[in-house]
Amino acid sequence: MERERRGKNFVIAGLLVAVVSLSVAFAVTLTQRLDINGTAELPSTQWSVHFNDPVATAASTLTATELKKTSGTLIEFAVKLEEGKTFEFEAPVQNDGTVNAKLDTLTLSGASDKAKLVTFEVASDSELKEKDVIDGGSTKMLKIRVSMANITDENVDLADGSTLNLAVVANFVSAE
């Protein structure tokens, strides 16, 4: 009986050694190094989105002085406040690059102290509005309208007939 038990233990130990040996052998023989070689060509991209020279429209009832593009995405002008009057201009936005651009934000600066009197908007018939995309190699017209409200008791102190030096700043981001 003792002899039979030793024989069984010997067989079990032998089987365990065999299983471990086979596991190691399979792991060593089935492990391989994988090399992947190749090349990829990416097309070159170019970013160039800017305003061209702005022009006042016929719908303007105010005259602006010094309407000019001072940098790629900045237009400056001066307008004298007059009750119920509007200044409107168009500026071509040109995308000379290869990346499609989206007009992310458009802001007016220089009128913060007269915010109750001055209204700034992209005209409804503008080709390009906020969040619109301008494809690479194309041009779209942006029409901006700055209006002066009618004088009321609430804003009478703001309507002092002064000239505002305003700036329109456009921020473009990649549309891709």
N, C-alpha and C. Protein backbone atom coordinates (compact mmCIF):
# COMPACT_ATOMS: atom_id res chain seq x y z
N MET A 1 0.81 -1.16 0.00
CA MET A 1 0.00 0.00 0.00
C MET A 1 0.87 1.25 0.00
N GLU A 2 1.87 1.23 0.84
CA GLU A 2 2.82 2.34 0.87
C GLU A 2 3.51 2.45 -0.47
N ARG A 3 3.84 1.34 -1.01
CA ARG A 3 4.52 1.31 -2.27
C ARG A 3 3.62 1.84 -3.38
N GLU A 4 2.37 1.52 -3.32
CA GLU A 4 1.41 1.96 -4.32
C GLU A 4 1.23 3.48 -4.24
N ARG A 5 1.20 4.03 -3.01
CA ARG A 5 1.04 5.47 -2.82
C ARG A 5 2.26 6.21 -3.35
N ARG A 6 3.47 5.69 -3.08
CA ARG A 6 4.68 6.32 -3.59
C ARG A 6 4.69 6.31 -5.11
N GLY A 7 4.21 5.29 -5.68
CA GLY A 7 4.15 5.19 -7.14
C GLY A 7 3.21 6.24 -7.73
N LYS A 8 2.06 6.41 -7.05
CA LYS A 8 1.10 7.41 -7.52
C LYS A 8 1.68 8.82 -7.37
N ASN A 9 2.34 9.11 -6.25
CA ASN A 9 2.96 10.42 -6.03
C ASN A 9 4.04 10.68 -7.08
N PHE A 10 4.81 9.65 -7.39
CA PHE A 10 5.86 9.78 -8.38
C PHE A 10 5.26 10.08 -9.76
N VAL A 11 4.16 9.42 -10.09
CA VAL A 11 3.48 9.66 -11.36
C VAL A 11 2.92 11.08 -11.40
N ILE A 12 2.30 11.54 -10.31
CA ILE A 12 1.73 12.89 -10.25
C ILE A 12 2.84 13.93 -10.39
N ALA A 13 3.95 13.76 -9.67
CA ALA A 13 5.07 14.69 -9.75
C ALA A 13 5.62 14.71 -11.17
N GLY A 14 5.72 13.56 -11.80
CA GLY A 14 6.21 13.49 -13.17
C GLY A 14 5.30 14.22 -14.13
N LEU A 15 3.98 14.05 -13.95
CA LEU A 15 3.01 14.75 -14.81
C LEU A 15 3.10 16.27 -14.62
N LEU A 16 3.28 16.72 -13.37
CA LEU A 16 3.41 18.16 -13.11
C LEU A 16 4.66 18.73 -13.78
N VAL A 17 5.77 18.04 -13.68
CA VAL A 17 7.01 18.47 -14.33
C VAL A 17 6.80 18.52 -15.84
N ALA A 18 6.11 17.54 -16.39
CA ALA A 18 5.87 17.50 -17.83
C ALA A 18 5.00 18.67 -18.28
N VAL A 19 3.95 19.00 -17.52
CA VAL A 19 3.05 20.11 -17.88
C VAL A 19 3.80 21.44 -17.83
N VAL A 20 4.60 21.64 -16.77
CA VAL A 20 5.36 22.89 -16.65
C VAL A 20 6.39 22.98 -17.77
N SER A 21 7.06 21.89 -18.08
CA SER A 21 8.05 21.87 -19.15
C SER A 21 7.41 22.18 -20.50
N LEU A 22 6.26 21.60 -20.76
CA LEU A 22 5.57 21.86 -22.02
C LEU A 22 5.10 23.32 -22.11
N SER A 23 4.62 23.89 -21.01
CA SER A 23 4.17 25.28 -20.99
C SER A 23 5.32 26.22 -21.31
N VAL A 24 6.47 25.99 -20.70
CA VAL A 24 7.65 26.82 -20.96
C VAL A 24 8.10 26.65 -22.40
N ALA A 25 8.09 25.44 -22.89
CA ALA A 25 8.53 25.17 -24.26
C ALA A 25 7.63 25.86 -25.28
N PHE A 26 6.31 25.80 -25.09
CA PHE A 26 5.38 26.48 -25.99
C PHE A 26 5.55 27.99 -25.92
N ALA A 27 5.73 28.53 -24.71
CA ALA A 27 5.90 29.98 -24.57
C ALA A 27 7.15 30.45 -25.30
N VAL A 28 8.23 29.71 -25.20
CA VAL A 28 9.47 30.10 -25.86
C VAL A 28 9.35 29.98 -27.37
N THR A 29 8.76 28.91 -27.86
CA THR A 29 8.70 28.70 -29.32
C THR A 29 7.64 29.58 -29.98
N LEU A 30 6.60 29.93 -29.28
CA LEU A 30 5.54 30.74 -29.88
C LEU A 30 5.77 32.24 -29.75
N THR A 31 6.77 32.67 -29.02
CA THR A 31 7.08 34.09 -28.87
C THR A 31 7.93 34.52 -30.06
N GLN A 32 7.46 35.56 -30.75
CA GLN A 32 8.19 36.08 -31.90
C GLN A 32 8.21 37.60 -31.85
N ARG A 33 9.21 38.17 -32.45
CA ARG A 33 9.31 39.61 -32.55
C ARG A 33 8.61 40.03 -33.84
N LEU A 34 7.81 41.08 -33.74
CA LEU A 34 7.08 41.57 -34.90
C LEU A 34 7.60 42.96 -35.25
N ASP A 35 8.15 43.11 -36.44
CA ASP A 35 8.64 44.40 -36.93
C ASP A 35 7.74 44.85 -38.06
N ILE A 36 7.30 46.11 -37.97
CA ILE A 36 6.49 46.69 -39.04
C ILE A 36 7.26 47.89 -39.57
N ASN A 37 7.56 47.87 -40.83
CA ASN A 37 8.27 48.97 -41.47
C ASN A 37 7.41 49.54 -42.56
N GLY A 38 7.49 50.86 -42.74
CA GLY A 38 6.75 51.49 -43.81
C GLY A 38 6.96 52.99 -43.79
N THR A 39 6.43 53.65 -44.79
CA THR A 39 6.50 55.10 -44.84
C THR A 39 5.12 55.64 -45.15
N ALA A 40 4.89 56.86 -44.70
CA ALA A 40 3.63 57.54 -44.98
C ALA A 40 3.94 58.97 -45.37
N GLU A 41 3.22 59.44 -46.35
CA GLU A 41 3.40 60.83 -46.77
C GLU A 41 2.14 61.59 -46.39
N LEU A 42 2.34 62.67 -45.64
CA LEU A 42 1.24 63.53 -45.26
C LEU A 42 1.29 64.79 -46.12
N PRO A 43 0.16 65.22 -46.61
CA PRO A 43 0.18 66.44 -47.42
C PRO A 43 0.54 67.64 -46.54
N SER A 44 1.26 68.58 -47.11
CA SER A 44 1.61 69.76 -46.33
C SER A 44 0.36 70.62 -46.15
N THR A 45 0.25 71.24 -45.01
CA THR A 45 -0.89 72.11 -44.74
C THR A 45 -0.38 73.53 -44.52
N GLN A 46 -1.24 74.47 -44.83
CA GLN A 46 -0.88 75.86 -44.68
C GLN A 46 -2.10 76.60 -44.12
N TRP A 47 -1.85 77.48 -43.14
CA TRP A 47 -2.92 78.27 -42.52
C TRP A 47 -2.72 79.72 -42.91
N SER A 48 -3.69 80.28 -43.60
CA SER A 48 -3.63 81.69 -43.99
C SER A 48 -5.04 82.21 -44.21
N VAL A 49 -5.66 82.70 -43.13
CA VAL A 49 -7.00 83.26 -43.20
C VAL A 49 -6.90 84.73 -42.79
N HIS A 50 -7.43 85.62 -43.62
CA HIS A 50 -7.29 87.05 -43.32
C HIS A 50 -8.37 87.86 -44.03
N PHE A 51 -8.56 89.09 -43.52
CA PHE A 51 -9.44 90.05 -44.17
C PHE A 51 -8.71 90.67 -45.34
N ASN A 52 -9.47 91.02 -46.39
CA ASN A 52 -8.97 91.93 -47.41
C ASN A 52 -9.56 93.30 -47.08
N ASP A 53 -9.27 94.29 -47.88
CA ASP A 53 -9.68 95.66 -47.55
C ASP A 53 -11.20 95.80 -47.41
N PRO A 54 -11.67 96.35 -46.27
CA PRO A 54 -13.11 96.55 -46.06
C PRO A 54 -13.62 97.78 -46.82
N VAL A 55 -14.91 97.74 -47.14
CA VAL A 55 -15.56 98.84 -47.87
C VAL A 55 -16.92 99.10 -47.24
N ALA A 56 -17.24 100.38 -47.03
CA ALA A 56 -18.57 100.74 -46.50
C ALA A 56 -19.63 100.42 -47.55
N THR A 57 -20.81 99.98 -47.09
CA THR A 57 -21.90 99.65 -48.02
C THR A 57 -22.81 100.86 -48.22
N ALA A 58 -23.66 100.77 -49.21
CA ALA A 58 -24.61 101.85 -49.50
C ALA A 58 -25.68 101.96 -48.42
N ALA A 59 -25.87 100.91 -47.61
CA ALA A 59 -26.88 100.93 -46.56
C ALA A 59 -26.45 101.76 -45.35
N SER A 60 -25.22 102.21 -45.32
CA SER A 60 -24.72 102.98 -44.17
C SER A 60 -25.37 104.35 -44.12
N THR A 61 -25.83 104.74 -42.94
CA THR A 61 -26.35 106.08 -42.72
C THR A 61 -25.38 106.90 -41.87
N LEU A 62 -24.27 106.30 -41.50
CA LEU A 62 -23.16 106.97 -40.82
C LEU A 62 -21.93 106.84 -41.69
N THR A 63 -21.05 107.77 -41.55
CA THR A 63 -19.78 107.71 -42.26
C THR A 63 -18.69 107.41 -41.25
N ALA A 64 -17.87 106.43 -41.60
CA ALA A 64 -16.75 106.09 -40.72
C ALA A 64 -15.48 106.66 -41.32
N THR A 65 -14.59 107.04 -40.43
CA THR A 65 -13.28 107.47 -40.89
C THR A 65 -12.28 106.37 -40.56
N GLU A 66 -11.25 106.33 -41.33
CA GLU A 66 -10.16 105.39 -41.09
C GLU A 66 -10.60 103.93 -41.10
N LEU A 67 -11.53 103.57 -41.97
CA LEU A 67 -11.92 102.17 -42.11
C LEU A 67 -10.78 101.43 -42.78
N LYS A 68 -10.10 100.57 -42.02
CA LYS A 68 -8.94 99.90 -42.59
C LYS A 68 -8.68 98.57 -41.88
N LYS A 69 -8.05 97.68 -42.63
CA LYS A 69 -7.56 96.42 -42.08
C LYS A 69 -6.19 96.72 -41.50
N THR A 70 -6.02 96.50 -40.20
CA THR A 70 -4.73 96.81 -39.59
C THR A 70 -3.88 95.57 -39.37
N SER A 71 -4.49 94.41 -39.38
CA SER A 71 -3.75 93.15 -39.37
C SER A 71 -4.64 92.11 -40.02
N GLY A 72 -4.18 90.88 -40.08
CA GLY A 72 -4.92 89.84 -40.79
C GLY A 72 -6.38 89.70 -40.41
N THR A 73 -6.68 89.73 -39.12
CA THR A 73 -8.05 89.50 -38.67
C THR A 73 -8.57 90.65 -37.81
N LEU A 74 -8.08 91.86 -38.06
CA LEU A 74 -8.49 93.04 -37.29
C LEU A 74 -8.81 94.19 -38.24
N ILE A 75 -10.00 94.76 -38.07
CA ILE A 75 -10.42 95.93 -38.84
C ILE A 75 -10.74 97.04 -37.85
N GLU A 76 -10.18 98.22 -38.09
CA GLU A 76 -10.41 99.36 -37.21
C GLU A 76 -11.12 100.47 -37.98
N PHE A 77 -11.96 101.22 -37.25
CA PHE A 77 -12.65 102.36 -37.85
C PHE A 77 -13.13 103.28 -36.73
N ALA A 78 -13.45 104.51 -37.11
CA ALA A 78 -13.96 105.50 -36.16
C ALA A 78 -15.32 105.97 -36.65
N VAL A 79 -16.29 106.04 -35.73
CA VAL A 79 -17.65 106.44 -36.06
C VAL A 79 -18.12 107.46 -35.04
N LYS A 80 -18.73 108.55 -35.53
CA LYS A 80 -19.32 109.54 -34.62
C LYS A 80 -20.74 109.10 -34.29
N LEU A 81 -21.07 109.07 -33.01
CA LEU A 81 -22.39 108.64 -32.57
C LEU A 81 -23.48 109.58 -33.05
N GLU A 82 -24.50 109.01 -33.70
CA GLU A 82 -25.67 109.76 -34.10
C GLU A 82 -26.89 108.88 -33.88
N GLU A 83 -27.92 109.46 -33.32
CA GLU A 83 -29.12 108.72 -32.94
C GLU A 83 -29.77 108.00 -34.12
N GLY A 84 -30.03 106.69 -33.90
CA GLY A 84 -30.77 105.89 -34.88
C GLY A 84 -30.03 105.63 -36.18
N LYS A 85 -28.73 105.87 -36.23
CA LYS A 85 -27.97 105.70 -37.46
C LYS A 85 -27.17 104.40 -37.43
N THR A 86 -26.78 103.95 -38.63
CA THR A 86 -26.08 102.67 -38.78
C THR A 86 -24.86 102.84 -39.69
N PHE A 87 -23.80 102.15 -39.32
CA PHE A 87 -22.64 102.04 -40.21
C PHE A 87 -22.49 100.57 -40.55
N GLU A 88 -22.41 100.29 -41.85
CA GLU A 88 -22.30 98.92 -42.32
C GLU A 88 -21.14 98.83 -43.31
N PHE A 89 -20.36 97.76 -43.19
CA PHE A 89 -19.27 97.55 -44.13
C PHE A 89 -19.13 96.07 -44.46
N GLU A 90 -18.51 95.83 -45.60
CA GLU A 90 -18.21 94.47 -46.04
C GLU A 90 -16.70 94.29 -46.06
N ALA A 91 -16.27 93.11 -45.67
CA ALA A 91 -14.86 92.77 -45.71
C ALA A 91 -14.71 91.37 -46.28
N PRO A 92 -14.02 91.23 -47.38
CA PRO A 92 -13.78 89.88 -47.91
C PRO A 92 -12.85 89.12 -46.96
N VAL A 93 -13.23 87.89 -46.64
CA VAL A 93 -12.39 87.01 -45.83
C VAL A 93 -11.81 85.99 -46.80
N GLN A 94 -10.50 85.97 -46.88
CA GLN A 94 -9.83 85.11 -47.84
C GLN A 94 -9.08 84.01 -47.10
N ASN A 95 -9.28 82.77 -47.54
CA ASN A 95 -8.55 81.64 -47.00
C ASN A 95 -7.57 81.17 -48.07
N ASP A 96 -6.33 81.65 -47.95
CA ASP A 96 -5.28 81.26 -48.89
C ASP A 96 -4.65 79.93 -48.53
N GLY A 97 -5.01 79.40 -47.39
CA GLY A 97 -4.39 78.16 -46.92
C GLY A 97 -5.05 76.93 -47.51
N THR A 98 -4.61 75.78 -47.02
CA THR A 98 -5.15 74.51 -47.47
C THR A 98 -6.09 73.90 -46.43
N VAL A 99 -6.18 74.52 -45.27
CA VAL A 99 -7.02 74.01 -44.18
C VAL A 99 -8.32 74.80 -44.16
N ASN A 100 -9.45 74.10 -44.08
CA ASN A 100 -10.74 74.76 -43.96
C ASN A 100 -10.80 75.46 -42.60
N ALA A 101 -11.33 76.69 -42.59
CA ALA A 101 -11.37 77.49 -41.36
C ALA A 101 -12.82 77.78 -40.99
N LYS A 102 -13.04 77.85 -39.68
CA LYS A 102 -14.37 78.17 -39.16
C LYS A 102 -14.28 79.49 -38.40
N LEU A 103 -15.21 80.41 -38.66
CA LEU A 103 -15.27 81.67 -37.92
C LEU A 103 -15.80 81.36 -36.53
N ASP A 104 -14.90 81.32 -35.57
CA ASP A 104 -15.26 80.93 -34.21
C ASP A 104 -15.96 82.07 -33.47
N THR A 105 -15.34 83.23 -33.40
CA THR A 105 -15.93 84.38 -32.72
C THR A 105 -15.64 85.65 -33.50
N LEU A 106 -16.51 86.61 -33.34
CA LEU A 106 -16.37 87.92 -33.94
C LEU A 106 -16.72 88.92 -32.85
N THR A 107 -15.80 89.80 -32.49
CA THR A 107 -16.05 90.72 -31.38
C THR A 107 -15.80 92.16 -31.80
N LEU A 108 -16.49 93.06 -31.11
CA LEU A 108 -16.32 94.50 -31.31
C LEU A 108 -15.71 95.05 -30.04
N SER A 109 -14.62 95.79 -30.19
CA SER A 109 -14.03 96.43 -29.02
C SER A 109 -14.04 97.94 -29.21
N GLY A 110 -14.01 98.65 -28.10
CA GLY A 110 -13.99 100.10 -28.14
C GLY A 110 -15.32 100.75 -27.81
N ALA A 111 -16.37 99.95 -27.57
CA ALA A 111 -17.69 100.52 -27.29
C ALA A 111 -18.24 100.05 -25.95
N SER A 112 -17.38 99.48 -25.11
CA SER A 112 -17.89 98.90 -23.86
C SER A 112 -18.56 99.92 -22.96
N ASP A 113 -18.06 101.15 -22.93
CA ASP A 113 -18.69 102.16 -22.06
C ASP A 113 -19.99 102.70 -22.65
N LYS A 114 -20.28 102.38 -23.90
CA LYS A 114 -21.51 102.84 -24.54
C LYS A 114 -22.35 101.64 -25.01
N ALA A 115 -22.25 100.54 -24.29
CA ALA A 115 -22.90 99.29 -24.69
C ALA A 115 -24.42 99.42 -24.83
N LYS A 116 -25.05 100.31 -24.05
CA LYS A 116 -26.50 100.47 -24.15
C LYS A 116 -26.90 101.23 -25.40
N LEU A 117 -25.96 101.89 -26.04
CA LEU A 117 -26.26 102.71 -27.20
C LEU A 117 -25.80 102.07 -28.51
N VAL A 118 -24.77 101.25 -28.46
CA VAL A 118 -24.17 100.68 -29.67
C VAL A 118 -24.56 99.20 -29.81
N THR A 119 -25.05 98.84 -30.99
CA THR A 119 -25.39 97.46 -31.30
C THR A 119 -24.48 96.97 -32.42
N PHE A 120 -23.95 95.78 -32.25
CA PHE A 120 -23.01 95.19 -33.20
C PHE A 120 -23.56 93.86 -33.65
N GLU A 121 -23.59 93.63 -34.99
CA GLU A 121 -24.11 92.36 -35.49
C GLU A 121 -23.54 92.04 -36.87
N VAL A 122 -23.59 90.76 -37.20
CA VAL A 122 -23.29 90.33 -38.56
C VAL A 122 -24.59 90.46 -39.32
N ALA A 123 -24.56 91.15 -40.44
CA ALA A 123 -25.78 91.38 -41.22
C ALA A 123 -26.39 90.06 -41.67
N SER A 124 -27.70 90.02 -41.75
CA SER A 124 -28.40 88.78 -42.08
C SER A 124 -28.06 88.29 -43.49
N ASP A 125 -27.69 89.19 -44.40
CA ASP A 125 -27.36 88.77 -45.76
C ASP A 125 -25.85 88.56 -45.95
N SER A 126 -25.12 88.46 -44.87
CA SER A 126 -23.67 88.19 -44.94
C SER A 126 -23.43 86.77 -45.43
N GLU A 127 -22.44 86.59 -46.31
CA GLU A 127 -22.09 85.24 -46.79
C GLU A 127 -21.47 84.40 -45.68
N LEU A 128 -20.77 85.06 -44.75
CA LEU A 128 -20.06 84.37 -43.69
C LEU A 128 -20.58 84.85 -42.35
N LYS A 129 -20.98 83.91 -41.51
CA LYS A 129 -21.47 84.23 -40.16
C LYS A 129 -20.67 83.40 -39.16
N GLU A 130 -20.85 83.71 -37.87
CA GLU A 130 -20.15 82.93 -36.85
C GLU A 130 -20.51 81.45 -37.00
N LYS A 131 -19.50 80.59 -36.83
CA LYS A 131 -19.57 79.13 -36.91
C LYS A 131 -19.65 78.61 -38.34
N ASP A 132 -19.65 79.52 -39.35
CA ASP A 132 -19.61 79.09 -40.75
C ASP A 132 -18.18 78.71 -41.13
N VAL A 133 -18.07 77.87 -42.15
CA VAL A 133 -16.77 77.39 -42.62
C VAL A 133 -16.42 78.06 -43.94
N ILE A 134 -15.15 78.43 -44.06
CA ILE A 134 -14.64 78.94 -45.31
C ILE A 134 -13.56 77.96 -45.79
N ASP A 135 -13.80 77.37 -46.93
CA ASP A 135 -12.90 76.34 -47.45
C ASP A 135 -11.55 76.93 -47.85
N GLY A 136 -10.52 76.09 -47.79
CA GLY A 136 -9.20 76.50 -48.24
C GLY A 136 -9.24 76.94 -49.69
N GLY A 137 -8.58 78.05 -49.99
CA GLY A 137 -8.53 78.55 -51.35
C GLY A 137 -9.75 79.34 -51.79
N SER A 138 -10.63 79.70 -50.86
CA SER A 138 -11.84 80.44 -51.25
C SER A 138 -11.95 81.76 -50.48
N THR A 139 -12.91 82.58 -50.92
CA THR A 139 -13.16 83.88 -50.31
C THR A 139 -14.66 84.01 -50.06
N LYS A 140 -15.02 84.54 -48.88
CA LYS A 140 -16.43 84.82 -48.57
C LYS A 140 -16.52 86.24 -48.03
N MET A 141 -17.67 86.87 -48.24
CA MET A 141 -17.88 88.24 -47.80
C MET A 141 -18.52 88.24 -46.41
N LEU A 142 -17.93 89.04 -45.53
CA LEU A 142 -18.46 89.23 -44.19
C LEU A 142 -19.02 90.64 -44.11
N LYS A 143 -20.28 90.76 -43.74
CA LYS A 143 -20.92 92.07 -43.65
C LYS A 143 -21.23 92.37 -42.18
N ILE A 144 -20.69 93.48 -41.70
CA ILE A 144 -20.83 93.89 -40.30
C ILE A 144 -21.68 95.16 -40.22
N ARG A 145 -22.56 95.20 -39.20
CA ARG A 145 -23.42 96.36 -39.00
C ARG A 145 -23.25 96.86 -37.56
N VAL A 146 -22.95 98.14 -37.43
CA VAL A 146 -22.85 98.79 -36.12
C VAL A 146 -23.92 99.86 -36.10
N SER A 147 -24.87 99.75 -35.15
CA SER A 147 -26.00 100.67 -35.08
C SER A 147 -25.95 101.49 -33.81
N MET A 148 -26.49 102.70 -33.89
CA MET A 148 -26.62 103.56 -32.73
C MET A 148 -28.11 103.62 -32.40
N ALA A 149 -28.46 103.30 -31.17
CA ALA A 149 -29.86 103.24 -30.74
C ALA A 149 -30.45 104.64 -30.67
N ASN A 150 -31.77 104.68 -30.60
CA ASN A 150 -32.45 105.95 -30.37
C ASN A 150 -32.21 106.38 -28.92
N ILE A 151 -32.12 107.65 -28.73
CA ILE A 151 -31.82 108.18 -27.40
C ILE A 151 -33.08 108.10 -26.53
N THR A 152 -32.91 107.55 -25.35
CA THR A 152 -33.98 107.45 -24.36
C THR A 152 -33.47 108.03 -23.05
N ASP A 153 -34.36 108.11 -22.07
CA ASP A 153 -33.93 108.59 -20.75
C ASP A 153 -32.84 107.71 -20.16
N GLU A 154 -32.86 106.44 -20.54
CA GLU A 154 -31.90 105.47 -19.99
C GLU A 154 -30.49 105.64 -20.56
N ASN A 155 -30.38 106.08 -21.82
CA ASN A 155 -29.06 106.17 -22.43
C ASN A 155 -28.66 107.57 -22.86
N VAL A 156 -29.40 108.58 -22.45
CA VAL A 156 -29.14 109.95 -22.89
C VAL A 156 -27.74 110.43 -22.51
N ASP A 157 -27.25 109.99 -21.37
CA ASP A 157 -25.92 110.42 -20.95
C ASP A 157 -24.81 109.81 -21.80
N LEU A 158 -25.10 108.72 -22.52
CA LEU A 158 -24.10 108.09 -23.38
C LEU A 158 -24.01 108.76 -24.75
N ALA A 159 -25.10 109.40 -25.18
CA ALA A 159 -25.18 109.99 -26.52
C ALA A 159 -24.57 111.38 -26.50
N ASP A 160 -23.28 111.43 -26.31
CA ASP A 160 -22.62 112.72 -26.17
C ASP A 160 -22.01 113.21 -27.49
N GLY A 161 -22.32 112.53 -28.60
CA GLY A 161 -21.82 112.95 -29.90
C GLY A 161 -20.34 112.68 -30.11
N SER A 162 -19.75 111.88 -29.23
CA SER A 162 -18.32 111.59 -29.37
C SER A 162 -18.07 110.58 -30.49
N THR A 163 -16.83 110.56 -30.93
CA THR A 163 -16.41 109.60 -31.94
C THR A 163 -15.84 108.37 -31.25
N LEU A 164 -16.33 107.21 -31.64
CA LEU A 164 -15.83 105.96 -31.07
C LEU A 164 -14.78 105.37 -32.00
N ASN A 165 -13.67 104.96 -31.44
CA ASN A 165 -12.65 104.22 -32.19
C ASN A 165 -12.92 102.73 -31.94
N LEU A 166 -13.44 102.07 -32.96
CA LEU A 166 -13.89 100.69 -32.82
C LEU A 166 -12.97 99.74 -33.58
N ALA A 167 -13.01 98.49 -33.17
CA ALA A 167 -12.24 97.44 -33.84
C ALA A 167 -13.07 96.17 -33.88
N VAL A 168 -13.08 95.52 -35.01
CA VAL A 168 -13.72 94.22 -35.17
C VAL A 168 -12.59 93.19 -35.26
N VAL A 169 -12.67 92.19 -34.39
CA VAL A 169 -11.65 91.15 -34.34
C VAL A 169 -12.31 89.81 -34.65
N ALA A 170 -11.75 89.09 -35.61
CA ALA A 170 -12.25 87.76 -35.98
C ALA A 170 -11.29 86.71 -35.49
N ASN A 171 -11.84 85.65 -34.94
CA ASN A 171 -11.02 84.50 -34.49
C ASN A 171 -11.44 83.28 -35.29
N PHE A 172 -10.50 82.74 -36.06
CA PHE A 172 -10.77 81.56 -36.88
C PHE A 172 -10.09 80.34 -36.26
N VAL A 173 -10.74 79.19 -36.37
CA VAL A 173 -10.17 77.92 -35.92
C VAL A 173 -10.28 76.92 -37.07
N SER A 174 -9.54 75.85 -36.95
CA SER A 174 -9.59 74.81 -37.97
C SER A 174 -10.96 74.13 -37.95
N ALA A 175 -11.51 73.92 -39.13
CA ALA A 175 -12.82 73.27 -39.22
C ALA A 175 -12.66 71.76 -39.38
N GLU A 176 -11.46 71.27 -39.36
CA GLU A 176 -11.22 69.84 -39.57
C GLU A 176 -10.89 69.15 -38.30
